[in-house]
């Protein structure tokens, strides 16, 4: 059974864990239109996912 040689201080442990903290959802740009969108999700601006059109997006200007 493994036994630690020296106790790790709270500061050393917290400094290490600070590097892997959760940074929230980070938006990327759509490859098709360049609009910001979340990873692994359909772009809400153009309706494309993985280079294929998945949704037909209605224009907001057409409604007005």
C-alpha atoms as a PDB file:
ATOM      1  CA  UNK A   1       0.000   0.000   0.000  1.00  0.00           C
ATOM      2  CA  UNK A   2       1.351   3.424  -0.955  1.00  0.00           C
ATOM      3  CA  UNK A   3       2.191   5.908   1.772  1.00  0.00           C
ATOM      4  CA  UNK A   4       2.805   9.595   1.110  1.00  0.00           C
ATOM      5  CA  UNK A   5       6.290  10.802   1.952  1.00  0.00           C
ATOM      6  CA  UNK A   6       5.380  14.362   2.981  1.00  0.00           C
ATOM      7  CA  UNK A   7       2.088  16.069   3.770  1.00  0.00           C
ATOM      8  CA  UNK A   8       0.878  18.396   1.033  1.00  0.00           C
ATOM      9  CA  UNK A   9       0.018  21.831   2.422  1.00  0.00           C
ATOM     10  CA  UNK A  10      -3.415  23.397   1.863  1.00  0.00           C
ATOM     11  CA  UNK A  11      -1.844  26.137  -0.245  1.00  0.00           C
ATOM     12  CA  UNK A  12      -0.079  23.694  -2.554  1.00  0.00           C
ATOM     13  CA  UNK A  13      -3.244  21.615  -3.032  1.00  0.00           C
ATOM     14  CA  UNK A  14      -5.427  24.676  -3.666  1.00  0.00           C
ATOM     15  CA  UNK A  15      -2.971  26.118  -6.174  1.00  0.00           C
ATOM     16  CA  UNK A  16      -3.070  22.854  -8.119  1.00  0.00           C
ATOM     17  CA  UNK A  17      -6.866  22.630  -8.010  1.00  0.00           C
ATOM     18  CA  UNK A  18      -7.214  26.266  -9.143  1.00  0.00           C
ATOM     19  CA  UNK A  19      -5.835  25.247 -12.543  1.00  0.00           C
ATOM     20  CA  UNK A  20      -8.646  22.766 -13.185  1.00  0.00           C
ATOM     21  CA  UNK A  21     -11.580  24.841 -11.946  1.00  0.00           C
ATOM     22  CA  UNK A  22     -14.833  25.063 -13.900  1.00  0.00           C
ATOM     23  CA  UNK A  23     -14.864  28.060 -16.224  1.00  0.00           C
ATOM     24  CA  UNK A  24     -18.463  27.764 -17.412  1.00  0.00           C
ATOM     25  CA  UNK A  25     -19.762  27.313 -20.929  1.00  0.00           C
ATOM     26  CA  UNK A  26     -17.496  28.886 -23.499  1.00  0.00           C
ATOM     27  CA  UNK A  27     -18.970  29.932 -26.823  1.00  0.00           C
ATOM     28  CA  UNK A  28     -17.189  29.163 -30.089  1.00  0.00           C
ATOM     29  CA  UNK A  29     -17.845  30.541 -33.547  1.00  0.00           C
ATOM     30  CA  UNK A  30     -20.027  28.806 -36.099  1.00  0.00           C
ATOM     31  CA  UNK A  31     -18.017  27.455 -39.040  1.00  0.00           C
ATOM     32  CA  UNK A  32     -20.789  28.391 -41.458  1.00  0.00           C
ATOM     33  CA  UNK A  33     -21.842  31.923 -40.454  1.00  0.00           C
ATOM     34  CA  UNK A  34     -19.312  32.972 -37.797  1.00  0.00           C
ATOM     35  CA  UNK A  35     -21.950  33.666 -35.133  1.00  0.00           C
ATOM     36  CA  UNK A  36     -21.176  32.649 -31.519  1.00  0.00           C
ATOM     37  CA  UNK A  37     -22.686  29.279 -30.573  1.00  0.00           C
ATOM     38  CA  UNK A  38     -22.148  26.519 -28.016  1.00  0.00           C
ATOM     39  CA  UNK A  39     -20.084  23.412 -28.772  1.00  0.00           C
ATOM     40  CA  UNK A  40     -21.919  20.299 -30.027  1.00  0.00           C
ATOM     41  CA  UNK A  41     -25.147  22.228 -30.592  1.00  0.00           C
ATOM     42  CA  UNK A  42     -26.998  23.590 -33.598  1.00  0.00           C
ATOM     43  CA  UNK A  43     -26.189  27.206 -34.470  1.00  0.00           C
ATOM     44  CA  UNK A  44     -29.208  29.344 -33.622  1.00  0.00           C
ATOM     45  CA  UNK A  45     -28.311  31.916 -36.272  1.00  0.00           C
ATOM     46  CA  UNK A  46     -28.094  29.688 -39.367  1.00  0.00           C
ATOM     47  CA  UNK A  47     -29.339  26.221 -38.278  1.00  0.00           C
ATOM     48  CA  UNK A  48     -26.179  24.344 -39.284  1.00  0.00           C
ATOM     49  CA  UNK A  49     -24.476  21.558 -37.328  1.00  0.00           C
ATOM     50  CA  UNK A  50     -21.336  19.738 -38.470  1.00  0.00           C
ATOM     51  CA  UNK A  51     -21.503  21.297 -41.933  1.00  0.00           C
ATOM     52  CA  UNK A  52     -25.085  20.194 -42.580  1.00  0.00           C
ATOM     53  CA  UNK A  53     -28.267  22.241 -42.368  1.00  0.00           C
ATOM     54  CA  UNK A  54     -30.442  20.770 -39.639  1.00  0.00           C
ATOM     55  CA  UNK A  55     -32.998  23.536 -39.015  1.00  0.00           C
ATOM     56  CA  UNK A  56     -34.757  26.022 -41.234  1.00  0.00           C
ATOM     57  CA  UNK A  57     -34.383  29.397 -39.493  1.00  0.00           C
ATOM     58  CA  UNK A  58     -37.149  31.911 -40.142  1.00  0.00           C
ATOM     59  CA  UNK A  59     -36.060  35.512 -40.626  1.00  0.00           C
ATOM     60  CA  UNK A  60     -37.123  37.988 -37.958  1.00  0.00           C
ATOM     61  CA  UNK A  61     -37.366  40.720 -40.623  1.00  0.00           C
ATOM     62  CA  UNK A  62     -40.022  38.727 -42.532  1.00  0.00           C
ATOM     63  CA  UNK A  63     -42.360  38.813 -39.514  1.00  0.00           C
ATOM     64  CA  UNK A  64     -42.225  42.617 -39.163  1.00  0.00           C
END
